[in-house]
Amino acid sequence: MLAIDHHRDQFLYRQVIDLINDSIDSGALKPGDKLPSLRRMSTRISVSIPTVRQAYIELERQRRVKSR
């Protein structure tokens, strides 16, 4: 489902944001769906937990996701 290109000239957290935004825009993630935990997402896409945390924080700041 989700893939990160570690050789791409773009910050990894931006790639995580783009992947989640694409999932939201395509309808794969619907309102009310839960995002994977930081640990689960970091394992799934092979990036560090702080990278995923940074992406989640930015997505919340942009009001694309909401934490509870």
C-alpha atoms as a PDB file:
ATOM      1  CA  MET A   1       0.000   0.000   0.000  1.00  0.00           C
ATOM      2  CA  LEU A   2       2.462   2.655   1.159  1.00  0.00           C
ATOM      3  CA  ALA A   3       5.998   3.064  -0.149  1.00  0.00           C
ATOM      4  CA  ILE A   4       8.792   5.520   0.600  1.00  0.00           C
ATOM      5  CA  ASP A   5      11.654   6.168  -1.798  1.00  0.00           C
ATOM      6  CA  HIS A   6      14.767   6.627   0.332  1.00  0.00           C
ATOM      7  CA  HIS A   7      16.736   7.767  -2.733  1.00  0.00           C
ATOM      8  CA  ARG A   8      14.306  10.524  -3.708  1.00  0.00           C
ATOM      9  CA  ASP A   9      15.426  14.123  -3.215  1.00  0.00           C
ATOM     10  CA  GLN A  10      12.614  14.936  -0.773  1.00  0.00           C
ATOM     11  CA  PHE A  11      12.481  14.816   3.011  1.00  0.00           C
ATOM     12  CA  LEU A  12      11.089  11.504   4.239  1.00  0.00           C
ATOM     13  CA  TYR A  13       8.465  13.162   6.427  1.00  0.00           C
ATOM     14  CA  ARG A  14       7.166  15.014   3.333  1.00  0.00           C
ATOM     15  CA  GLN A  15       6.856  11.689   1.534  1.00  0.00           C
ATOM     16  CA  VAL A  16       4.870  10.308   4.486  1.00  0.00           C
ATOM     17  CA  ILE A  17       2.593  13.359   4.339  1.00  0.00           C
ATOM     18  CA  ASP A  18       2.125  12.871   0.591  1.00  0.00           C
ATOM     19  CA  LEU A  19       1.287   9.170   1.050  1.00  0.00           C
ATOM     20  CA  ILE A  20      -1.336   9.907   3.685  1.00  0.00           C
ATOM     21  CA  ASN A  21      -2.789  12.820   1.714  1.00  0.00           C
ATOM     22  CA  ASP A  22      -3.027  10.562  -1.343  1.00  0.00           C
ATOM     23  CA  SER A  23      -4.848   7.951   0.769  1.00  0.00           C
ATOM     24  CA  ILE A  24      -7.272  10.596   2.023  1.00  0.00           C
ATOM     25  CA  ASP A  25      -7.856  12.074  -1.453  1.00  0.00           C
ATOM     26  CA  SER A  26      -8.405   8.650  -3.043  1.00  0.00           C
ATOM     27  CA  GLY A  27     -10.904   7.645  -0.368  1.00  0.00           C
ATOM     28  CA  ALA A  28      -8.706   4.836   0.960  1.00  0.00           C
ATOM     29  CA  LEU A  29      -8.760   6.704   4.279  1.00  0.00           C
ATOM     30  CA  LYS A  30     -12.199   7.943   5.225  1.00  0.00           C
ATOM     31  CA  PRO A  31     -13.275  10.380   7.941  1.00  0.00           C
ATOM     32  CA  GLY A  32     -13.122   8.591  11.273  1.00  0.00           C
ATOM     33  CA  ASP A  33     -10.536   6.025  10.140  1.00  0.00           C
ATOM     34  CA  LYS A  34      -7.585   5.668  12.456  1.00  0.00           C
ATOM     35  CA  LEU A  35      -4.052   6.162  11.221  1.00  0.00           C
ATOM     36  CA  PRO A  36      -1.607   3.427  12.205  1.00  0.00           C
ATOM     37  CA  SER A  37       0.334   4.005  15.406  1.00  0.00           C
ATOM     38  CA  LEU A  38       3.694   5.713  15.041  1.00  0.00           C
ATOM     39  CA  ARG A  39       5.484   2.413  15.577  1.00  0.00           C
ATOM     40  CA  ARG A  40       3.314   0.448  13.170  1.00  0.00           C
ATOM     41  CA  MET A  41       3.591   3.103  10.434  1.00  0.00           C
ATOM     42  CA  SER A  42       7.349   3.438  10.881  1.00  0.00           C
ATOM     43  CA  THR A  43       7.744  -0.334  10.554  1.00  0.00           C
ATOM     44  CA  ARG A  44       5.373  -0.535   7.582  1.00  0.00           C
ATOM     45  CA  ILE A  45       7.199   2.121   5.532  1.00  0.00           C
ATOM     46  CA  SER A  46      10.724   1.662   6.966  1.00  0.00           C
ATOM     47  CA  VAL A  47      11.289   5.119   8.416  1.00  0.00           C
ATOM     48  CA  SER A  48      11.995   6.219  11.974  1.00  0.00           C
ATOM     49  CA  ILE A  49       9.281   6.914  14.524  1.00  0.00           C
ATOM     50  CA  PRO A  50      10.347  10.597  14.805  1.00  0.00           C
ATOM     51  CA  THR A  51       9.903  10.953  11.033  1.00  0.00           C
ATOM     52  CA  VAL A  52       6.370   9.586  11.205  1.00  0.00           C
ATOM     53  CA  ARG A  53       5.655  11.776  14.259  1.00  0.00           C
ATOM     54  CA  GLN A  54       6.801  14.861  12.340  1.00  0.00           C
ATOM     55  CA  ALA A  55       4.512  13.953   9.432  1.00  0.00           C
ATOM     56  CA  TYR A  56       1.523  13.333  11.728  1.00  0.00           C
ATOM     57  CA  ILE A  57       2.097  16.663  13.487  1.00  0.00           C
ATOM     58  CA  GLU A  58       2.223  18.497  10.155  1.00  0.00           C
ATOM     59  CA  LEU A  59      -0.923  16.733   8.901  1.00  0.00           C
ATOM     60  CA  GLU A  60      -2.726  17.788  12.064  1.00  0.00           C
ATOM     61  CA  ARG A  61      -1.453  21.347  11.686  1.00  0.00           C
ATOM     62  CA  GLN A  62      -2.864  21.341   8.119  1.00  0.00           C
ATOM     63  CA  ARG A  63      -6.133  19.946   9.540  1.00  0.00           C
ATOM     64  CA  ARG A  64      -5.940  16.876   7.315  1.00  0.00           C
ATOM     65  CA  VAL A  65      -6.100  14.598  10.358  1.00  0.00           C
ATOM     66  CA  LYS A  66      -7.266  14.993  13.936  1.00  0.00           C
ATOM     67  CA  SER A  67      -5.736  13.405  17.020  1.00  0.00           C
ATOM     68  CA  ARG A  68      -7.780  12.210  19.945  1.00  0.00           C
END
